[in-house]
C-alpha atoms as a PDB file:
ATOM      1  CA  MET A   1       6.629 -11.367   2.326  1.00  0.00           C
ATOM      2  CA  VAL A   2       5.782 -13.593   4.597  1.00  0.00           C
ATOM      3  CA  ALA A   3       7.920 -16.416   6.920  1.00  0.00           C
ATOM      4  CA  PRO A   4       7.230 -19.412   6.197  1.00  0.00           C
ATOM      5  CA  SER A   5       6.236 -20.467   9.613  1.00  0.00           C
ATOM      6  CA  THR A   6       3.119 -18.696   9.088  1.00  0.00           C
ATOM      7  CA  LYS A   7       0.147 -20.296   8.480  1.00  0.00           C
ATOM      8  CA  CYS A   8      -2.611 -17.797  10.286  1.00  0.00           C
ATOM      9  CA  PHE A   9      -3.069 -14.997   8.506  1.00  0.00           C
ATOM     10  CA  LEU A  10      -5.703 -12.185  10.203  1.00  0.00           C
ATOM     11  CA  VAL A  11      -6.938  -9.498   8.783  1.00  0.00           C
ATOM     12  CA  THR A  12      -7.774  -6.412  10.611  1.00  0.00           C
ATOM     13  CA  GLY A  13      -9.913  -3.224  10.203  1.00  0.00           C
ATOM     14  CA  PRO A  14     -12.853  -0.692  10.335  1.00  0.00           C
ATOM     15  CA  PRO A  15     -16.362  -1.349  10.636  1.00  0.00           C
ATOM     16  CA  GLY A  16     -17.581  -2.239   7.243  1.00  0.00           C
ATOM     17  CA  VAL A  17     -14.587  -2.191   5.766  1.00  0.00           C
ATOM     18  CA  GLY A  18     -14.877  -4.910   3.340  1.00  0.00           C
ATOM     19  CA  LYS A  19     -13.012  -7.718   6.087  1.00  0.00           C
ATOM     20  CA  THR A  20     -15.606 -10.873   5.570  1.00  0.00           C
ATOM     21  CA  THR A  21     -16.297 -10.230   1.848  1.00  0.00           C
ATOM     22  CA  LEU A  22     -12.703 -10.218   2.288  1.00  0.00           C
ATOM     23  CA  VAL A  23     -12.093 -13.460   3.617  1.00  0.00           C
ATOM     24  CA  MET A  24     -15.244 -14.777   1.123  1.00  0.00           C
ATOM     25  CA  LYS A  25     -13.676 -13.742  -2.163  1.00  0.00           C
ATOM     26  CA  VAL A  26     -10.405 -15.386  -0.696  1.00  0.00           C
ATOM     27  CA  LEU A  27     -11.800 -18.857  -0.080  1.00  0.00           C
ATOM     28  CA  GLU A  28     -13.789 -18.307  -3.437  1.00  0.00           C
ATOM     29  CA  SER A  29     -10.479 -17.582  -4.954  1.00  0.00           C
ATOM     30  CA  LEU A  30      -9.011 -20.983  -2.929  1.00  0.00           C
ATOM     31  CA  ARG A  31     -11.543 -23.181  -3.654  1.00  0.00           C
ATOM     32  CA  ALA A  32     -11.884 -22.764  -7.879  1.00  0.00           C
ATOM     33  CA  SER A  33      -8.126 -23.082  -7.076  1.00  0.00           C
ATOM     34  CA  TYR A  34      -8.529 -26.784  -5.561  1.00  0.00           C
ATOM     35  CA  LEU A  35     -10.953 -28.418  -6.014  1.00  0.00           C
ATOM     36  CA  ASN A  36     -10.872 -30.855  -2.711  1.00  0.00           C
ATOM     37  CA  LEU A  37     -10.111 -28.217  -0.682  1.00  0.00           C
ATOM     38  CA  LYS A  38     -11.869 -28.503   3.118  1.00  0.00           C
ATOM     39  CA  ALA A  39     -12.453 -25.832   4.442  1.00  0.00           C
ATOM     40  CA  GLN A  40     -14.484 -25.527   7.890  1.00  0.00           C
ATOM     41  CA  GLY A  41     -15.361 -22.077   9.648  1.00  0.00           C
ATOM     42  CA  GLU A  42     -18.061 -19.336  10.692  1.00  0.00           C
ATOM     43  CA  ILE A  43     -18.814 -16.401   9.366  1.00  0.00           C
ATOM     44  CA  ARG A  44     -20.642 -13.359  10.386  1.00  0.00           C
ATOM     45  CA  GLN A  45     -23.137 -11.518   8.420  1.00  0.00           C
ATOM     46  CA  GLY A  46     -25.017  -8.448   9.564  1.00  0.00           C
ATOM     47  CA  MET A  47     -28.658  -9.331   8.771  1.00  0.00           C
ATOM     48  CA  GLU A  48     -30.260  -5.375   7.569  1.00  0.00           C
ATOM     49  CA  ARG A  49     -29.102  -3.358  10.582  1.00  0.00           C
ATOM     50  CA  VAL A  50     -31.046  -5.064  12.950  1.00  0.00           C
ATOM     51  CA  GLY A  51     -28.867  -8.128  14.172  1.00  0.00           C
ATOM     52  CA  PHE A  52     -26.119 -10.792  13.326  1.00  0.00           C
ATOM     53  CA  GLU A  53     -25.559 -14.085  12.037  1.00  0.00           C
ATOM     54  CA  VAL A  54     -23.561 -16.994  12.231  1.00  0.00           C
ATOM     55  CA  VAL A  55     -23.089 -18.463   9.516  1.00  0.00           C
ATOM     56  CA  THR A  56     -21.316 -21.634   8.514  1.00  0.00           C
ATOM     57  CA  LEU A  57     -19.532 -22.528   5.747  1.00  0.00           C
ATOM     58  CA  ASP A  58     -22.160 -24.539   3.758  1.00  0.00           C
ATOM     59  CA  GLY A  59     -24.959 -22.190   4.524  1.00  0.00           C
ATOM     60  CA  ARG A  60     -25.933 -22.869   8.121  1.00  0.00           C
ATOM     61  CA  LYS A  61     -27.122 -20.032   9.803  1.00  0.00           C
ATOM     62  CA  ALA A  62     -28.195 -18.951  13.711  1.00  0.00           C
ATOM     63  CA  PRO A  63     -28.689 -15.345  14.930  1.00  0.00           C
ATOM     64  CA  LEU A  64     -25.717 -14.450  16.800  1.00  0.00           C
ATOM     65  CA  ALA A  65     -27.191 -11.459  18.136  1.00  0.00           C
ATOM     66  CA  SER A  66     -30.077  -8.844  17.791  1.00  0.00           C
ATOM     67  CA  THR A  67     -31.789  -5.472  18.593  1.00  0.00           C
ATOM     68  CA  THR A  68     -35.344  -6.908  17.627  1.00  0.00           C
ATOM     69  CA  ILE A  69     -34.923  -9.939  20.646  1.00  0.00           C
ATOM     70  CA  SER A  70     -37.684  -9.704  23.163  1.00  0.00           C
ATOM     71  CA  ARG A  71     -37.869 -12.212  24.619  1.00  0.00           C
ATOM     72  CA  ALA A  72     -37.959 -12.478  28.260  1.00  0.00           C
ATOM     73  CA  GLU A  73     -33.820 -14.321  29.101  1.00  0.00           C
ATOM     74  CA  SER A  74     -32.798 -11.674  26.287  1.00  0.00           C
ATOM     75  CA  GLN A  75     -33.046  -9.229  28.701  1.00  0.00           C
ATOM     76  CA  ARG A  76     -30.512 -11.213  30.635  1.00  0.00           C
ATOM     77  CA  TRP A  77     -27.778 -11.777  27.292  1.00  0.00           C
ATOM     78  CA  PRO A  78     -24.720  -9.358  27.214  1.00  0.00           C
ATOM     79  CA  SER A  79     -25.701  -6.356  24.930  1.00  0.00           C
ATOM     80  CA  VAL A  80     -22.818  -4.523  22.662  1.00  0.00           C
ATOM     81  CA  GLY A  81     -24.055  -0.990  21.729  1.00  0.00           C
ATOM     82  CA  ARG A  82     -27.673  -1.737  21.303  1.00  0.00           C
ATOM     83  CA  PHE A  83     -27.214  -5.782  20.249  1.00  0.00           C
ATOM     84  CA  LYS A  84     -28.213  -8.821  22.250  1.00  0.00           C
ATOM     85  CA  VAL A  85     -26.206 -11.110  22.540  1.00  0.00           C
ATOM     86  CA  ASP A  86     -27.651 -14.741  22.136  1.00  0.00           C
ATOM     87  CA  ILE A  87     -24.726 -16.897  23.618  1.00  0.00           C
ATOM     88  CA  THR A  88     -26.450 -19.956  22.848  1.00  0.00           C
ATOM     89  CA  SER A  89     -27.214 -19.610  20.029  1.00  0.00           C
ATOM     90  CA  PHE A  90     -23.625 -18.866  18.620  1.00  0.00           C
ATOM     91  CA  GLU A  91     -22.826 -21.396  20.311  1.00  0.00           C
ATOM     92  CA  SER A  92     -24.580 -24.435  19.058  1.00  0.00           C
ATOM     93  CA  LEU A  93     -23.282 -23.176  15.370  1.00  0.00           C
ATOM     94  CA  ALA A  94     -19.712 -21.431  15.386  1.00  0.00           C
ATOM     95  CA  LEU A  95     -18.501 -24.065  17.768  1.00  0.00           C
ATOM     96  CA  PRO A  96     -18.981 -27.860  15.756  1.00  0.00           C
ATOM     97  CA  GLU A  97     -17.245 -26.277  13.481  1.00  0.00           C
ATOM     98  CA  LEU A  98     -14.305 -24.801  15.328  1.00  0.00           C
ATOM     99  CA  GLN A  99     -13.311 -28.775  16.017  1.00  0.00           C
ATOM    100  CA  VAL A 100     -10.161 -29.792  14.095  1.00  0.00           C
ATOM    101  CA  LYS A 101     -10.893 -32.151  12.432  1.00  0.00           C
ATOM    102  CA  GLU A 102      -7.713 -33.788  10.321  1.00  0.00           C
ATOM    103  CA  ASP A 103      -8.576 -33.853   6.594  1.00  0.00           C
ATOM    104  CA  THR A 104      -9.139 -29.969   7.040  1.00  0.00           C
ATOM    105  CA  ASP A 105      -7.228 -27.487   4.561  1.00  0.00           C
ATOM    106  CA  LEU A 106      -8.239 -24.285   5.851  1.00  0.00           C
ATOM    107  CA  PHE A 107     -10.211 -23.330   9.232  1.00  0.00           C
ATOM    108  CA  ILE A 108     -12.262 -19.537   7.965  1.00  0.00           C
ATOM    109  CA  ILE A 109     -13.142 -18.109  11.273  1.00  0.00           C
ATOM    110  CA  ASP A 110     -15.298 -14.356  11.176  1.00  0.00           C
ATOM    111  CA  GLU A 111     -14.279 -12.910  13.711  1.00  0.00           C
ATOM    112  CA  VAL A 112     -12.946 -12.824  16.666  1.00  0.00           C
ATOM    113  CA  GLY A 113     -14.635 -10.114  18.246  1.00  0.00           C
ATOM    114  CA  LYS A 114     -16.281  -8.594  21.714  1.00  0.00           C
ATOM    115  CA  MET A 115     -19.764 -10.930  20.148  1.00  0.00           C
ATOM    116  CA  GLU A 116     -18.007 -13.512  19.883  1.00  0.00           C
ATOM    117  CA  LEU A 117     -16.067 -13.192  23.396  1.00  0.00           C
ATOM    118  CA  PHE A 118     -18.430 -13.421  25.327  1.00  0.00           C
ATOM    119  CA  SER A 119     -18.950 -17.456  24.845  1.00  0.00           C
ATOM    120  CA  SER A 120     -16.984 -18.151  27.314  1.00  0.00           C
ATOM    121  CA  SER A 121     -16.094 -21.849  24.872  1.00  0.00           C
ATOM    122  CA  PHE A 122     -15.193 -19.850  21.813  1.00  0.00           C
ATOM    123  CA  PHE A 123     -11.558 -19.046  22.468  1.00  0.00           C
ATOM    124  CA  PRO A 124     -10.893 -22.015  23.693  1.00  0.00           C
ATOM    125  CA  ALA A 125     -11.700 -23.420  20.417  1.00  0.00           C
ATOM    126  CA  VAL A 126     -10.377 -20.858  19.053  1.00  0.00           C
ATOM    127  CA  LEU A 127      -6.765 -21.482  20.147  1.00  0.00           C
ATOM    128  CA  ARG A 128      -7.149 -25.090  19.317  1.00  0.00           C
ATOM    129  CA  VAL A 129      -7.495 -23.530  15.515  1.00  0.00           C
ATOM    130  CA  LEU A 130      -4.503 -22.119  16.512  1.00  0.00           C
ATOM    131  CA  GLU A 131      -2.030 -25.108  17.779  1.00  0.00           C
ATOM    132  CA  SER A 132      -3.146 -27.526  15.212  1.00  0.00           C
ATOM    133  CA  ASN A 133      -0.967 -26.357  12.485  1.00  0.00           C
ATOM    134  CA  ILE A 134      -3.867 -26.248  10.120  1.00  0.00           C
ATOM    135  CA  PRO A 135      -3.756 -22.973   7.953  1.00  0.00           C
ATOM    136  CA  ILE A 136      -6.424 -20.269   9.653  1.00  0.00           C
ATOM    137  CA  LEU A 137      -7.739 -16.883   7.462  1.00  0.00           C
ATOM    138  CA  ALA A 138      -9.887 -14.795  10.956  1.00  0.00           C
ATOM    139  CA  THR A 139     -10.773 -11.199  10.708  1.00  0.00           C
ATOM    140  CA  ILE A 140     -10.381  -9.179  14.253  1.00  0.00           C
ATOM    141  CA  PRO A 141     -11.353  -6.153  14.979  1.00  0.00           C
ATOM    142  CA  ILE A 142      -9.490  -3.092  14.623  1.00  0.00           C
ATOM    143  CA  PRO A 143      -7.425  -2.773  18.406  1.00  0.00           C
ATOM    144  CA  LYS A 144      -9.696   0.795  19.674  1.00  0.00           C
ATOM    145  CA  PHE A 145      -7.947   3.677  21.709  1.00  0.00           C
ATOM    146  CA  GLY A 146      -4.689   1.985  20.849  1.00  0.00           C
ATOM    147  CA  ARG A 147      -6.302  -1.021  23.159  1.00  0.00           C
ATOM    148  CA  ASP A 148      -6.971  -4.790  21.763  1.00  0.00           C
ATOM    149  CA  ILE A 149      -8.710  -6.864  22.945  1.00  0.00           C
ATOM    150  CA  PRO A 150      -6.824  -9.726  25.189  1.00  0.00           C
ATOM    151  CA  GLU A 151      -7.457 -11.990  23.799  1.00  0.00           C
ATOM    152  CA  VAL A 152      -6.865 -11.032  20.283  1.00  0.00           C
ATOM    153  CA  ALA A 153      -3.767  -9.698  21.476  1.00  0.00           C
ATOM    154  CA  ARG A 154      -2.862 -13.468  21.513  1.00  0.00           C
ATOM    155  CA  MET A 155      -3.706 -14.090  18.379  1.00  0.00           C
ATOM    156  CA  ARG A 156      -2.085 -11.143  17.092  1.00  0.00           C
ATOM    157  CA  ASN A 157       1.238 -12.124  18.355  1.00  0.00           C
ATOM    158  CA  HIS A 158       0.594 -15.139  17.621  1.00  0.00           C
ATOM    159  CA  PRO A 159       4.109 -17.427  16.350  1.00  0.00           C
ATOM    160  CA  GLY A 160       3.006 -17.317  12.951  1.00  0.00           C
ATOM    161  CA  ALA A 161       0.705 -14.559  12.777  1.00  0.00           C
ATOM    162  CA  ALA A 162       0.598 -12.437   9.391  1.00  0.00           C
ATOM    163  CA  ILE A 163      -1.897  -9.246   9.896  1.00  0.00           C
ATOM    164  CA  PHE A 164      -4.065  -8.049   7.337  1.00  0.00           C
ATOM    165  CA  THR A 165      -4.988  -4.142   7.838  1.00  0.00           C
ATOM    166  CA  ILE A 166      -7.908  -3.654   5.314  1.00  0.00           C
ATOM    167  CA  ASN A 167      -8.971   0.462   3.935  1.00  0.00           C
ATOM    168  CA  THR A 168     -11.508   1.387   1.352  1.00  0.00           C
ATOM    169  CA  ARG A 169      -8.814   1.402  -1.849  1.00  0.00           C
ATOM    170  CA  ASN A 170      -6.496  -1.805  -0.762  1.00  0.00           C
ATOM    171  CA  GLY A 171      -9.310  -4.645  -0.564  1.00  0.00           C
ATOM    172  CA  GLU A 172      -8.064  -6.436  -3.716  1.00  0.00           C
ATOM    173  CA  ALA A 173      -4.351  -5.968  -3.654  1.00  0.00           C
ATOM    174  CA  VAL A 174      -4.355  -7.760   0.341  1.00  0.00           C
ATOM    175  CA  LYS A 175      -7.124 -10.563  -1.062  1.00  0.00           C
ATOM    176  CA  GLU A 176      -4.637 -10.751  -3.644  1.00  0.00           C
ATOM    177  CA  GLN A 177      -1.332 -10.899  -1.064  1.00  0.00           C
ATOM    178  CA  ILE A 178      -3.705 -13.088   0.936  1.00  0.00           C
ATOM    179  CA  TYR A 179      -4.218 -15.517  -1.260  1.00  0.00           C
ATOM    180  CA  THR A 180      -0.866 -16.106  -2.932  1.00  0.00           C
ATOM    181  CA  GLN A 181       0.034 -17.039   0.764  1.00  0.00           C
ATOM    182  CA  LEU A 182      -2.094 -19.709   1.201  1.00  0.00           C
ATOM    183  CA  ILE A 183      -1.862 -20.764  -2.474  1.00  0.00           C
ATOM    184  CA  ASP A 184       2.572 -21.866  -1.412  1.00  0.00           C
ATOM    185  CA  VAL A 185       0.753 -22.873   2.335  1.00  0.00           C
ATOM    186  CA  LEU A 186      -1.598 -25.075   1.125  1.00  0.00           C
ATOM    187  CA  ARG A 187       0.862 -26.002  -1.681  1.00  0.00           C
ATOM    188  CA  ARG A 188       3.282 -26.636   1.082  1.00  0.00           C
ATOM    189  CA  THR A 189       0.622 -28.697   2.793  1.00  0.00           C
END
């Protein structure tokens, strides 16, 4: 069982295992239970293996990274593998979604990973959310070679953080665990 002070729910697992899908299913279940749930945040979606988009919970989209961008300025953008990361586009959509508002019940952040962390403003915004005492449901990458990205390690070690590791067999059970614990947190707030 998760400690009563837990407000940070972190989902981790290998790429492509279903972390984003799990988060969206938890959010869907919470919205069915709490019709007036005020959730804010962003989701990272793949685009046919040529890139990623950042998508707000109300459906607005912006490019995050792509293999097909050929503008001159994109040559200076940071890379993750074959993907060029469009920091300006990401920040223009994601950062306003991470502004702490008093009437917010839940933050969704998918994902706190290498692409997102090229933004020097992203992790400070994540920290403000963590410090706000508003429940957070976020995805984080699985550590590579046994070592976390320092910012991700800081989230893992945050007081009140609970880590849920998803694999190809336990997704539904993890979803139910997180949903049940978040319902409990929301009832207490």
